[in-house]
Amino acid sequence: MSSKDTILRLLEENRGRYLSGNELSEQLGISRTAVWKAVRQLEEEGYTVLAVNKKGYQLAEDCDILSSQSIRPFLRRPELYPDIQVHKLLESTNKTAKELANHGASGGTVVLAEQQSGGRGRLGRSFYSPSGAGIYMTVLLRPTEPAETTMLITSAAAVAVCRALKAVCGLEAQIKWVNDVYLDGRKLCGILTEAAVNFEDHRMDYLIIGIGINVTNGDFPPELREAAISLEEKLGRRLPRSPLIGELLNQLSEIDLSQKQFLEEYRARSFVLGSYVNVISPTGTERALAVNINDQGHLLIRLDNGTEKALSSGEISIRKV
């Protein structure tokens, strides 16, 4: 690790207090001039470093540039995430994670981008991903459980997002089956999971979980302004992203898919159950009552003719009364 990266790690780990030049010099075994040069490099990369005579250096409170060093202090078990990559611009974090998986990347690899040029949601939709305005993250997993168990990961990820929002922001979010997290009836977060299956043993070779969260108000396109919400709009202030990312990774690692207890919370946070919905499929749209979510994460619906179905995938919208 370079002197610049080590200093960044120390500054991130000591948010809220100054580190003297002597302290940094002694810890790194370099001169104070070398410390100053490393700090200048960080400033050239966009970091706001406060330098006060006889006190030392400190990251500005509102400095919100993502890095592995900014996220790791918030991880309870950092060994579960050995490689956290942050990129200025990617076409899609899911696409990059898949490329890494195909080249042998280990489970627990995390890919983040400050901006996506081709962020994707479900059913081929685009995901609005302007620079610095959100959390655009993909986690790569190498599951050992049977495929039918790992198929619950989308539901588990939605619960993990809600738990992280509660822990970091004090917010109670709701879930729209199967993969969207809402606040005040507007979309805050989308989740896109993709997998590659080994057909020889019918197990998943890898699984990737893409999570996009609106953090700042940004400049939503007209078609999204009524439907989307950001944390900044809800909280009335700009939220640092690293603590939320760290807690989200903690929550993901702490959910046991095989035990399925998280499904109770998933059901409790659903704003779909008990409502009439439009079930959208290639053959048309049907009205149905959303009855329950089973232990496989499927949405149980009842059509107007009394027929009951279990939806494993697809698209629904809440019917307006």
C-alpha atoms as a PDB file:
ATOM      1  CA  MET A   1       0.000   0.000   0.000  1.00  0.00           C
ATOM      2  CA  SER A   2       1.357   3.429  -0.947  1.00  0.00           C
ATOM      3  CA  SER A   3       1.979   6.188   1.603  1.00  0.00           C
ATOM      4  CA  LYS A   4      -0.980   8.084   0.155  1.00  0.00           C
ATOM      5  CA  ASP A   5      -3.326   5.117   0.591  1.00  0.00           C
ATOM      6  CA  THR A   6      -2.080   4.443   4.115  1.00  0.00           C
ATOM      7  CA  ILE A   7      -2.577   8.082   5.107  1.00  0.00           C
ATOM      8  CA  LEU A   8      -6.062   7.978   3.623  1.00  0.00           C
ATOM      9  CA  ARG A   9      -6.835   4.874   5.690  1.00  0.00           C
ATOM     10  CA  LEU A  10      -5.611   6.555   8.872  1.00  0.00           C
ATOM     11  CA  LEU A  11      -7.561   9.734   8.155  1.00  0.00           C
ATOM     12  CA  GLU A  12     -10.725   7.710   7.476  1.00  0.00           C
ATOM     13  CA  GLU A  13     -10.266   5.652  10.637  1.00  0.00           C
ATOM     14  CA  ASN A  14      -9.799   8.833  12.677  1.00  0.00           C
ATOM     15  CA  ARG A  15     -12.646  10.948  11.361  1.00  0.00           C
ATOM     16  CA  GLY A  16     -13.336  13.856  13.709  1.00  0.00           C
ATOM     17  CA  ARG A  17      -9.803  14.280  15.049  1.00  0.00           C
ATOM     18  CA  TYR A  18      -6.530  15.653  13.788  1.00  0.00           C
ATOM     19  CA  LEU A  19      -3.482  13.490  13.151  1.00  0.00           C
ATOM     20  CA  SER A  20      -0.214  15.358  13.521  1.00  0.00           C
ATOM     21  CA  GLY A  21       2.453  15.263  10.866  1.00  0.00           C
ATOM     22  CA  ASN A  22       4.823  13.696  13.393  1.00  0.00           C
ATOM     23  CA  GLU A  23       2.295  10.983  14.216  1.00  0.00           C
ATOM     24  CA  LEU A  24       1.810  10.110  10.560  1.00  0.00           C
ATOM     25  CA  SER A  25       5.521  10.300   9.872  1.00  0.00           C
ATOM     26  CA  GLU A  26       6.333   7.878  12.699  1.00  0.00           C
ATOM     27  CA  GLN A  27       3.579   5.401  11.810  1.00  0.00           C
ATOM     28  CA  LEU A  28       4.604   5.256   8.159  1.00  0.00           C
ATOM     29  CA  GLY A  29       8.355   5.553   8.647  1.00  0.00           C
ATOM     30  CA  ILE A  30       8.589   8.452   6.205  1.00  0.00           C
ATOM     31  CA  SER A  31       9.560  12.117   6.477  1.00  0.00           C
ATOM     32  CA  ARG A  32       7.074  14.883   7.258  1.00  0.00           C
ATOM     33  CA  THR A  33       7.762  16.232   3.779  1.00  0.00           C
ATOM     34  CA  ALA A  34       6.670  12.890   2.332  1.00  0.00           C
ATOM     35  CA  VAL A  35       3.522  13.080   4.485  1.00  0.00           C
ATOM     36  CA  TRP A  36       2.777  16.555   3.113  1.00  0.00           C
ATOM     37  CA  LYS A  37       3.278  15.341  -0.467  1.00  0.00           C
ATOM     38  CA  ALA A  38       0.901  12.413   0.098  1.00  0.00           C
ATOM     39  CA  VAL A  39      -1.729  14.781   1.504  1.00  0.00           C
ATOM     40  CA  ARG A  40      -1.306  16.994  -1.558  1.00  0.00           C
ATOM     41  CA  GLN A  41      -1.943  13.945  -3.759  1.00  0.00           C
ATOM     42  CA  LEU A  42      -5.185  13.275  -1.891  1.00  0.00           C
ATOM     43  CA  GLU A  43      -6.254  16.888  -2.389  1.00  0.00           C
ATOM     44  CA  GLU A  44      -5.520  16.608  -6.105  1.00  0.00           C
ATOM     45  CA  GLU A  45      -7.870  13.584  -6.186  1.00  0.00           C
ATOM     46  CA  GLY A  46     -10.676  15.676  -4.694  1.00  0.00           C
ATOM     47  CA  TYR A  47     -10.321  15.026  -0.953  1.00  0.00           C
ATOM     48  CA  THR A  48     -10.811  18.002   1.341  1.00  0.00           C
ATOM     49  CA  VAL A  49      -8.081  17.730   3.969  1.00  0.00           C
ATOM     50  CA  LEU A  50      -8.040  20.284   6.771  1.00  0.00           C
ATOM     51  CA  ALA A  51      -4.502  21.252   7.795  1.00  0.00           C
ATOM     52  CA  VAL A  52      -4.098  23.238  11.014  1.00  0.00           C
ATOM     53  CA  ASN A  53      -0.763  24.353  12.438  1.00  0.00           C
ATOM     54  CA  LYS A  54       0.217  22.401  15.592  1.00  0.00           C
ATOM     55  CA  LYS A  55      -2.791  20.089  15.146  1.00  0.00           C
ATOM     56  CA  GLY A  56      -2.166  18.261  11.907  1.00  0.00           C
ATOM     57  CA  TYR A  57      -4.475  16.836   9.268  1.00  0.00           C
ATOM     58  CA  GLN A  58      -8.126  15.815   9.262  1.00  0.00           C
ATOM     59  CA  LEU A  59     -10.622  14.921   6.552  1.00  0.00           C
ATOM     60  CA  ALA A  60     -13.384  17.505   6.239  1.00  0.00           C
ATOM     61  CA  GLU A  61     -16.688  16.333   7.684  1.00  0.00           C
ATOM     62  CA  ASP A  62     -18.483  16.717   4.352  1.00  0.00           C
ATOM     63  CA  CYS A  63     -15.828  14.837   2.360  1.00  0.00           C
ATOM     64  CA  ASP A  64     -17.773  11.954   0.810  1.00  0.00           C
ATOM     65  CA  ILE A  65     -15.433  10.336  -1.685  1.00  0.00           C
ATOM     66  CA  LEU A  66     -15.828   6.570  -1.623  1.00  0.00           C
ATOM     67  CA  SER A  67     -12.845   4.284  -1.153  1.00  0.00           C
ATOM     68  CA  SER A  68     -12.005   0.955   0.407  1.00  0.00           C
ATOM     69  CA  GLN A  69     -10.402   2.938   3.238  1.00  0.00           C
ATOM     70  CA  SER A  70     -13.596   4.931   3.863  1.00  0.00           C
ATOM     71  CA  ILE A  71     -15.785   1.804   4.047  1.00  0.00           C
ATOM     72  CA  ARG A  72     -13.659  -0.687   5.998  1.00  0.00           C
ATOM     73  CA  PRO A  73     -13.874   1.113   9.385  1.00  0.00           C
ATOM     74  CA  PHE A  74     -17.624   0.373   9.375  1.00  0.00           C
ATOM     75  CA  LEU A  75     -17.319  -3.380   8.728  1.00  0.00           C
ATOM     76  CA  ARG A  76     -17.800  -5.703  11.680  1.00  0.00           C
ATOM     77  CA  ARG A  77     -16.100  -8.572   9.834  1.00  0.00           C
ATOM     78  CA  PRO A  78     -13.853  -6.991   7.184  1.00  0.00           C
ATOM     79  CA  GLU A  79     -12.350 -10.375   6.331  1.00  0.00           C
ATOM     80  CA  LEU A  80     -15.637 -11.295   4.610  1.00  0.00           C
ATOM     81  CA  TYR A  81     -14.999  -8.586   2.016  1.00  0.00           C
ATOM     82  CA  PRO A  82     -11.357  -9.004   0.978  1.00  0.00           C
ATOM     83  CA  ASP A  83     -11.550  -6.828  -2.129  1.00  0.00           C
ATOM     84  CA  ILE A  84     -13.524  -3.568  -2.192  1.00  0.00           C
ATOM     85  CA  GLN A  85     -13.068  -1.762  -5.502  1.00  0.00           C
ATOM     86  CA  VAL A  86     -14.209   1.809  -6.126  1.00  0.00           C
ATOM     87  CA  HIS A  87     -14.267   3.207  -9.670  1.00  0.00           C
ATOM     88  CA  LYS A  88     -14.945   6.724 -10.869  1.00  0.00           C
ATOM     89  CA  LEU A  89     -17.023   5.538 -13.813  1.00  0.00           C
ATOM     90  CA  LEU A  90     -18.292   2.144 -14.937  1.00  0.00           C
ATOM     91  CA  GLU A  91     -20.839   1.107 -17.482  1.00  0.00           C
ATOM     92  CA  SER A  92     -22.409  -1.099 -14.804  1.00  0.00           C
ATOM     93  CA  THR A  93     -21.121  -2.480 -11.489  1.00  0.00           C
ATOM     94  CA  ASN A  94     -22.971  -5.729 -12.239  1.00  0.00           C
ATOM     95  CA  LYS A  95     -21.204  -6.059 -15.570  1.00  0.00           C
ATOM     96  CA  THR A  96     -17.793  -5.481 -13.992  1.00  0.00           C
ATOM     97  CA  ALA A  97     -18.557  -7.926 -11.164  1.00  0.00           C
ATOM     98  CA  LYS A  98     -19.520 -10.611 -13.697  1.00  0.00           C
ATOM     99  CA  GLU A  99     -16.264 -10.071 -15.573  1.00  0.00           C
ATOM    100  CA  LEU A 100     -14.327 -10.394 -12.320  1.00  0.00           C
ATOM    101  CA  ALA A 101     -16.277 -13.552 -11.415  1.00  0.00           C
ATOM    102  CA  ASN A 102     -15.489 -15.127 -14.772  1.00  0.00           C
ATOM    103  CA  HIS A 103     -11.801 -14.438 -14.138  1.00  0.00           C
ATOM    104  CA  GLY A 104     -11.842 -16.152 -10.744  1.00  0.00           C
ATOM    105  CA  ALA A 105     -12.559 -13.318  -8.296  1.00  0.00           C
ATOM    106  CA  SER A 106     -13.361 -14.557  -4.802  1.00  0.00           C
ATOM    107  CA  GLY A 107     -16.664 -14.347  -2.997  1.00  0.00           C
ATOM    108  CA  GLY A 108     -16.977 -11.137  -1.043  1.00  0.00           C
ATOM    109  CA  THR A 109     -15.577  -8.975  -3.834  1.00  0.00           C
ATOM    110  CA  VAL A 110     -17.388  -5.626  -3.838  1.00  0.00           C
ATOM    111  CA  VAL A 111     -17.554  -3.276  -6.835  1.00  0.00           C
ATOM    112  CA  LEU A 112     -18.676   0.330  -6.437  1.00  0.00           C
ATOM    113  CA  ALA A 113     -18.844   3.209  -8.895  1.00  0.00           C
ATOM    114  CA  GLU A 114     -19.258   6.923  -8.369  1.00  0.00           C
ATOM    115  CA  GLN A 115     -21.167   6.962 -11.661  1.00  0.00           C
ATOM    116  CA  GLN A 116     -22.620   4.426 -14.112  1.00  0.00           C
ATOM    117  CA  SER A 117     -23.047   5.135 -17.797  1.00  0.00           C
ATOM    118  CA  GLY A 118     -25.309   2.129 -18.332  1.00  0.00           C
ATOM    119  CA  GLY A 119     -26.797   1.204 -14.969  1.00  0.00           C
ATOM    120  CA  ARG A 120     -29.450  -1.485 -15.321  1.00  0.00           C
ATOM    121  CA  GLY A 121     -32.566  -2.484 -13.434  1.00  0.00           C
ATOM    122  CA  ARG A 122     -34.886  -5.433 -13.865  1.00  0.00           C
ATOM    123  CA  LEU A 123     -36.507  -6.290 -17.206  1.00  0.00           C
ATOM    124  CA  GLY A 124     -33.840  -4.377 -19.103  1.00  0.00           C
ATOM    125  CA  ARG A 125     -34.724  -0.988 -17.638  1.00  0.00           C
ATOM    126  CA  SER A 126     -32.039   1.647 -17.121  1.00  0.00           C
ATOM    127  CA  PHE A 127     -31.067   2.809 -13.631  1.00  0.00           C
ATOM    128  CA  TYR A 128     -30.345   6.529 -13.284  1.00  0.00           C
ATOM    129  CA  SER A 129     -26.798   6.767 -11.867  1.00  0.00           C
ATOM    130  CA  PRO A 130     -25.378  10.336 -11.854  1.00  0.00           C
ATOM    131  CA  SER A 131     -21.957  11.050 -10.388  1.00  0.00           C
ATOM    132  CA  GLY A 132     -21.743  11.129  -6.595  1.00  0.00           C
ATOM    133  CA  ALA A 133     -25.519  11.094  -6.128  1.00  0.00           C
ATOM    134  CA  GLY A 134     -26.066   7.533  -5.021  1.00  0.00           C
ATOM    135  CA  ILE A 135     -24.706   4.188  -3.934  1.00  0.00           C
ATOM    136  CA  TYR A 136     -24.073   1.975  -6.958  1.00  0.00           C
ATOM    137  CA  MET A 137     -22.719  -1.302  -5.651  1.00  0.00           C
ATOM    138  CA  THR A 138     -22.465  -4.971  -6.583  1.00  0.00           C
ATOM    139  CA  VAL A 139     -21.450  -7.800  -4.263  1.00  0.00           C
ATOM    140  CA  LEU A 140     -20.077 -11.046  -5.691  1.00  0.00           C
ATOM    141  CA  LEU A 141     -20.897 -14.264  -3.845  1.00  0.00           C
ATOM    142  CA  ARG A 142     -19.754 -17.846  -4.368  1.00  0.00           C
ATOM    143  CA  PRO A 143     -22.690 -19.770  -2.829  1.00  0.00           C
ATOM    144  CA  THR A 144     -22.340 -23.287  -1.481  1.00  0.00           C
ATOM    145  CA  GLU A 145     -26.043 -23.742  -0.742  1.00  0.00           C
ATOM    146  CA  PRO A 146     -28.451 -25.422  -3.182  1.00  0.00           C
ATOM    147  CA  ALA A 147     -29.825 -23.176  -5.918  1.00  0.00           C
ATOM    148  CA  GLU A 148     -33.340 -23.164  -4.434  1.00  0.00           C
ATOM    149  CA  THR A 149     -31.925 -21.618  -1.244  1.00  0.00           C
ATOM    150  CA  THR A 150     -29.777 -18.990  -2.939  1.00  0.00           C
ATOM    151  CA  MET A 151     -32.747 -17.876  -5.032  1.00  0.00           C
ATOM    152  CA  LEU A 152     -33.933 -16.089  -1.876  1.00  0.00           C
ATOM    153  CA  ILE A 153     -31.012 -13.665  -2.039  1.00  0.00           C
ATOM    154  CA  THR A 154     -33.044 -10.855  -3.642  1.00  0.00           C
ATOM    155  CA  SER A 155     -35.534 -10.922  -0.768  1.00  0.00           C
ATOM    156  CA  ALA A 156     -32.678 -11.099   1.734  1.00  0.00           C
ATOM    157  CA  ALA A 157     -30.936  -8.132   0.112  1.00  0.00           C
ATOM    158  CA  ALA A 158     -34.105  -6.039   0.371  1.00  0.00           C
ATOM    159  CA  VAL A 159     -34.335  -6.828   4.088  1.00  0.00           C
ATOM    160  CA  ALA A 160     -30.619  -6.008   4.513  1.00  0.00           C
ATOM    161  CA  VAL A 161     -31.163  -2.598   2.889  1.00  0.00           C
ATOM    162  CA  CYS A 162     -34.095  -1.881   5.228  1.00  0.00           C
ATOM    163  CA  ARG A 163     -32.102  -2.926   8.292  1.00  0.00           C
ATOM    164  CA  ALA A 164     -29.153  -0.753   7.256  1.00  0.00           C
ATOM    165  CA  LEU A 165     -31.425   2.251   6.695  1.00  0.00           C
ATOM    166  CA  LYS A 166     -32.900   1.740  10.158  1.00  0.00           C
ATOM    167  CA  ALA A 167     -29.501   1.406  11.830  1.00  0.00           C
ATOM    168  CA  VAL A 168     -27.769   4.326  10.094  1.00  0.00           C
ATOM    169  CA  CYS A 169     -30.635   6.719   9.291  1.00  0.00           C
ATOM    170  CA  GLY A 170     -33.416   5.726  11.698  1.00  0.00           C
ATOM    171  CA  LEU A 171     -35.755   5.195   8.739  1.00  0.00           C
ATOM    172  CA  GLU A 172     -38.438   2.523   8.398  1.00  0.00           C
ATOM    173  CA  ALA A 173     -38.537   1.484   4.750  1.00  0.00           C
ATOM    174  CA  GLN A 174     -40.995  -0.761   2.955  1.00  0.00           C
ATOM    175  CA  ILE A 175     -40.574  -3.355   0.228  1.00  0.00           C
ATOM    176  CA  LYS A 176     -42.378  -3.741  -3.055  1.00  0.00           C
ATOM    177  CA  TRP A 177     -42.139  -7.347  -4.227  1.00  0.00           C
ATOM    178  CA  VAL A 178     -39.716  -8.450  -5.410  1.00  0.00           C
ATOM    179  CA  ASN A 179     -36.783  -6.092  -5.379  1.00  0.00           C
ATOM    180  CA  ASP A 180     -37.620  -2.431  -4.665  1.00  0.00           C
ATOM    181  CA  VAL A 181     -37.268  -0.521  -1.397  1.00  0.00           C
ATOM    182  CA  TYR A 182     -39.603   2.423  -0.842  1.00  0.00           C
ATOM    183  CA  LEU A 183     -39.943   5.428   1.478  1.00  0.00           C
ATOM    184  CA  ASP A 184     -43.206   7.371   1.668  1.00  0.00           C
ATOM    185  CA  GLY A 185     -44.603   5.487  -1.315  1.00  0.00           C
ATOM    186  CA  ARG A 186     -41.674   6.402  -3.598  1.00  0.00           C
ATOM    187  CA  LYS A 187     -38.773   4.293  -4.785  1.00  0.00           C
ATOM    188  CA  LEU A 188     -35.471   4.708  -2.946  1.00  0.00           C
ATOM    189  CA  CYS A 189     -33.577   1.584  -3.936  1.00  0.00           C
ATOM    190  CA  GLY A 190     -33.524  -1.052  -6.644  1.00  0.00           C
ATOM    191  CA  ILE A 191     -31.904  -4.487  -6.464  1.00  0.00           C
ATOM    192  CA  LEU A 192     -30.809  -6.626  -9.406  1.00  0.00           C
ATOM    193  CA  THR A 193     -29.467 -10.138  -8.799  1.00  0.00           C
ATOM    194  CA  GLU A 194     -27.871 -12.239 -11.510  1.00  0.00           C
ATOM    195  CA  ALA A 195     -26.319 -15.694 -11.405  1.00  0.00           C
ATOM    196  CA  ALA A 196     -24.314 -18.251 -13.352  1.00  0.00           C
ATOM    197  CA  VAL A 197     -25.200 -21.921 -12.805  1.00  0.00           C
ATOM    198  CA  ASN A 198     -22.824 -24.866 -13.066  1.00  0.00           C
ATOM    199  CA  PHE A 199     -24.938 -27.389 -14.970  1.00  0.00           C
ATOM    200  CA  GLU A 200     -22.790 -30.339 -13.893  1.00  0.00           C
ATOM    201  CA  ASP A 201     -23.751 -30.154 -10.216  1.00  0.00           C
ATOM    202  CA  HIS A 202     -26.734 -27.787 -10.513  1.00  0.00           C
ATOM    203  CA  ARG A 203     -25.152 -25.284  -8.144  1.00  0.00           C
ATOM    204  CA  MET A 204     -24.531 -21.627  -8.710  1.00  0.00           C
ATOM    205  CA  ASP A 205     -21.019 -20.803  -9.860  1.00  0.00           C
ATOM    206  CA  TYR A 206     -21.488 -17.245  -8.708  1.00  0.00           C
ATOM    207  CA  LEU A 207     -24.187 -14.827  -7.664  1.00  0.00           C
ATOM    208  CA  ILE A 208     -24.035 -11.048  -7.913  1.00  0.00           C
ATOM    209  CA  ILE A 209     -26.238  -8.598  -6.030  1.00  0.00           C
ATOM    210  CA  GLY A 210     -26.515  -5.144  -7.560  1.00  0.00           C
ATOM    211  CA  ILE A 211     -27.885  -2.442  -5.248  1.00  0.00           C
ATOM    212  CA  GLY A 212     -28.637   1.141  -6.217  1.00  0.00           C
ATOM    213  CA  ILE A 213     -29.735   3.708  -3.605  1.00  0.00           C
ATOM    214  CA  ASN A 214     -30.692   7.340  -4.250  1.00  0.00           C
ATOM    215  CA  VAL A 215     -28.633   9.320  -1.725  1.00  0.00           C
ATOM    216  CA  THR A 216     -28.866  12.937  -2.889  1.00  0.00           C
ATOM    217  CA  ASN A 217     -31.646  14.766  -4.675  1.00  0.00           C
ATOM    218  CA  GLY A 218     -29.579  15.052  -7.813  1.00  0.00           C
ATOM    219  CA  ASP A 219     -31.400  16.120 -10.947  1.00  0.00           C
ATOM    220  CA  PHE A 220     -33.955  13.374 -11.467  1.00  0.00           C
ATOM    221  CA  PRO A 221     -35.330  13.203 -15.020  1.00  0.00           C
ATOM    222  CA  PRO A 222     -38.953  14.431 -15.259  1.00  0.00           C
ATOM    223  CA  GLU A 223     -40.315  10.883 -15.462  1.00  0.00           C
ATOM    224  CA  LEU A 224     -38.693   9.996 -12.114  1.00  0.00           C
ATOM    225  CA  ARG A 225     -39.391  13.088 -10.010  1.00  0.00           C
ATOM    226  CA  GLU A 226     -42.739  11.904  -8.698  1.00  0.00           C
ATOM    227  CA  ALA A 227     -41.827   8.236  -8.431  1.00  0.00           C
ATOM    228  CA  ALA A 228     -38.367   8.434  -6.826  1.00  0.00           C
ATOM    229  CA  ILE A 229     -37.100   9.743  -3.499  1.00  0.00           C
ATOM    230  CA  SER A 230     -33.611  10.297  -2.084  1.00  0.00           C
ATOM    231  CA  LEU A 231     -32.247  10.058   1.434  1.00  0.00           C
ATOM    232  CA  GLU A 232     -31.337  13.736   1.287  1.00  0.00           C
ATOM    233  CA  GLU A 233     -34.944  14.661   0.543  1.00  0.00           C
ATOM    234  CA  LYS A 234     -36.249  12.472   3.361  1.00  0.00           C
ATOM    235  CA  LEU A 235     -33.663  13.459   5.983  1.00  0.00           C
ATOM    236  CA  GLY A 236     -33.255  17.097   4.985  1.00  0.00           C
ATOM    237  CA  ARG A 237     -29.464  16.741   4.921  1.00  0.00           C
ATOM    238  CA  ARG A 238     -26.658  15.114   2.951  1.00  0.00           C
ATOM    239  CA  LEU A 239     -25.829  11.653   4.268  1.00  0.00           C
ATOM    240  CA  PRO A 240     -22.246  10.293   4.136  1.00  0.00           C
ATOM    241  CA  ARG A 241     -22.359   7.129   2.061  1.00  0.00           C
ATOM    242  CA  SER A 242     -19.577   5.017   3.564  1.00  0.00           C
ATOM    243  CA  PRO A 243     -21.320   4.274   6.921  1.00  0.00           C
ATOM    244  CA  LEU A 244     -24.432   3.121   5.054  1.00  0.00           C
ATOM    245  CA  ILE A 245     -22.422   0.961   2.647  1.00  0.00           C
ATOM    246  CA  GLY A 246     -20.534  -0.598   5.543  1.00  0.00           C
ATOM    247  CA  GLU A 247     -23.719  -1.368   7.478  1.00  0.00           C
ATOM    248  CA  LEU A 248     -25.395  -2.764   4.368  1.00  0.00           C
ATOM    249  CA  LEU A 249     -22.484  -5.165   3.860  1.00  0.00           C
ATOM    250  CA  ASN A 250     -22.721  -6.127   7.545  1.00  0.00           C
ATOM    251  CA  GLN A 251     -26.421  -6.873   7.226  1.00  0.00           C
ATOM    252  CA  LEU A 252     -25.940  -8.900   4.039  1.00  0.00           C
ATOM    253  CA  SER A 253     -23.363 -11.127   5.705  1.00  0.00           C
ATOM    254  CA  GLU A 254     -25.488 -11.646   8.827  1.00  0.00           C
ATOM    255  CA  ILE A 255     -28.603 -13.011   7.087  1.00  0.00           C
ATOM    256  CA  ASP A 256     -28.829 -16.803   7.059  1.00  0.00           C
ATOM    257  CA  LEU A 257     -30.652 -17.812   3.883  1.00  0.00           C
ATOM    258  CA  SER A 258     -31.193 -21.404   5.024  1.00  0.00           C
ATOM    259  CA  GLN A 259     -33.039 -20.412   8.216  1.00  0.00           C
ATOM    260  CA  LYS A 260     -35.469 -18.081   6.387  1.00  0.00           C
ATOM    261  CA  GLN A 261     -36.347 -16.029   9.510  1.00  0.00           C
ATOM    262  CA  PHE A 262     -35.725 -12.860   7.481  1.00  0.00           C
ATOM    263  CA  LEU A 263     -38.825 -13.676   5.409  1.00  0.00           C
ATOM    264  CA  GLU A 264     -41.034 -12.653   8.342  1.00  0.00           C
ATOM    265  CA  GLU A 265     -39.504  -9.201   8.230  1.00  0.00           C
ATOM    266  CA  TYR A 266     -39.828  -9.167   4.446  1.00  0.00           C
ATOM    267  CA  ARG A 267     -43.566  -9.846   4.772  1.00  0.00           C
ATOM    268  CA  ALA A 268     -43.961  -7.281   7.551  1.00  0.00           C
ATOM    269  CA  ARG A 269     -42.279  -4.595   5.438  1.00  0.00           C
ATOM    270  CA  SER A 270     -44.299  -5.394   2.309  1.00  0.00           C
ATOM    271  CA  PHE A 271     -46.781  -2.709   1.294  1.00  0.00           C
ATOM    272  CA  VAL A 272     -48.154  -5.009  -1.390  1.00  0.00           C
ATOM    273  CA  LEU A 273     -49.831  -7.661   0.746  1.00  0.00           C
ATOM    274  CA  GLY A 274     -53.551  -7.163   1.148  1.00  0.00           C
ATOM    275  CA  SER A 275     -53.693  -4.811  -1.846  1.00  0.00           C
ATOM    276  CA  TYR A 276     -55.065  -5.294  -5.336  1.00  0.00           C
ATOM    277  CA  VAL A 277     -52.306  -5.269  -7.928  1.00  0.00           C
ATOM    278  CA  ASN A 278     -51.889  -5.376 -11.668  1.00  0.00           C
ATOM    279  CA  VAL A 279     -49.896  -8.449 -12.663  1.00  0.00           C
ATOM    280  CA  ILE A 280     -48.024  -7.536 -15.827  1.00  0.00           C
ATOM    281  CA  SER A 281     -46.892 -10.303 -18.177  1.00  0.00           C
ATOM    282  CA  PRO A 282     -46.079 -10.634 -21.904  1.00  0.00           C
ATOM    283  CA  THR A 283     -49.651 -11.803 -22.491  1.00  0.00           C
ATOM    284  CA  GLY A 284     -51.298  -8.816 -20.798  1.00  0.00           C
ATOM    285  CA  THR A 285     -52.346  -7.453 -17.413  1.00  0.00           C
ATOM    286  CA  GLU A 286     -54.498  -9.165 -14.792  1.00  0.00           C
ATOM    287  CA  ARG A 287     -56.041  -7.814 -11.616  1.00  0.00           C
ATOM    288  CA  ALA A 288     -55.284  -9.815  -8.485  1.00  0.00           C
ATOM    289  CA  LEU A 289     -55.211  -9.629  -4.719  1.00  0.00           C
ATOM    290  CA  ALA A 290     -51.716  -9.986  -3.215  1.00  0.00           C
ATOM    291  CA  VAL A 291     -52.332 -12.571  -0.505  1.00  0.00           C
ATOM    292  CA  ASN A 292     -48.962 -13.618   0.924  1.00  0.00           C
ATOM    293  CA  ILE A 293     -45.289 -14.339   0.278  1.00  0.00           C
ATOM    294  CA  ASN A 294     -44.318 -17.995   0.690  1.00  0.00           C
ATOM    295  CA  ASP A 295     -41.098 -19.477   2.014  1.00  0.00           C
ATOM    296  CA  GLN A 296     -39.626 -19.535  -1.488  1.00  0.00           C
ATOM    297  CA  GLY A 297     -40.099 -15.770  -1.801  1.00  0.00           C
ATOM    298  CA  HIS A 298     -42.908 -16.189  -4.326  1.00  0.00           C
ATOM    299  CA  LEU A 299     -45.861 -13.781  -4.281  1.00  0.00           C
ATOM    300  CA  LEU A 300     -49.166 -15.582  -3.759  1.00  0.00           C
ATOM    301  CA  ILE A 301     -52.018 -13.885  -5.613  1.00  0.00           C
ATOM    302  CA  ARG A 302     -55.740 -14.521  -6.050  1.00  0.00           C
ATOM    303  CA  LEU A 303     -57.325 -13.598  -9.375  1.00  0.00           C
ATOM    304  CA  ASP A 304     -60.860 -12.220  -9.636  1.00  0.00           C
ATOM    305  CA  ASN A 305     -62.104 -15.659 -10.723  1.00  0.00           C
ATOM    306  CA  GLY A 306     -60.772 -17.185  -7.499  1.00  0.00           C
ATOM    307  CA  THR A 307     -57.733 -18.847  -9.067  1.00  0.00           C
ATOM    308  CA  GLU A 308     -54.618 -18.670  -6.895  1.00  0.00           C
ATOM    309  CA  LYS A 309     -51.101 -18.468  -8.302  1.00  0.00           C
ATOM    310  CA  ALA A 310     -47.564 -18.214  -6.982  1.00  0.00           C
ATOM    311  CA  LEU A 311     -45.413 -15.708  -8.892  1.00  0.00           C
ATOM    312  CA  SER A 312     -41.701 -16.463  -8.855  1.00  0.00           C
ATOM    313  CA  SER A 313     -40.834 -13.470 -11.022  1.00  0.00           C
ATOM    314  CA  GLY A 314     -42.490 -10.763 -13.034  1.00  0.00           C
ATOM    315  CA  GLU A 315     -43.790  -7.256 -12.583  1.00  0.00           C
ATOM    316  CA  ILE A 316     -46.631  -5.865 -10.518  1.00  0.00           C
ATOM    317  CA  SER A 317     -48.046  -2.411  -9.905  1.00  0.00           C
ATOM    318  CA  ILE A 318     -50.362  -1.263  -7.163  1.00  0.00           C
ATOM    319  CA  ARG A 319     -53.863  -0.615  -8.460  1.00  0.00           C
ATOM    320  CA  LYS A 320     -55.140   2.860  -7.794  1.00  0.00           C
ATOM    321  CA  VAL A 321     -58.576   2.949  -6.190  1.00  0.00           C
END
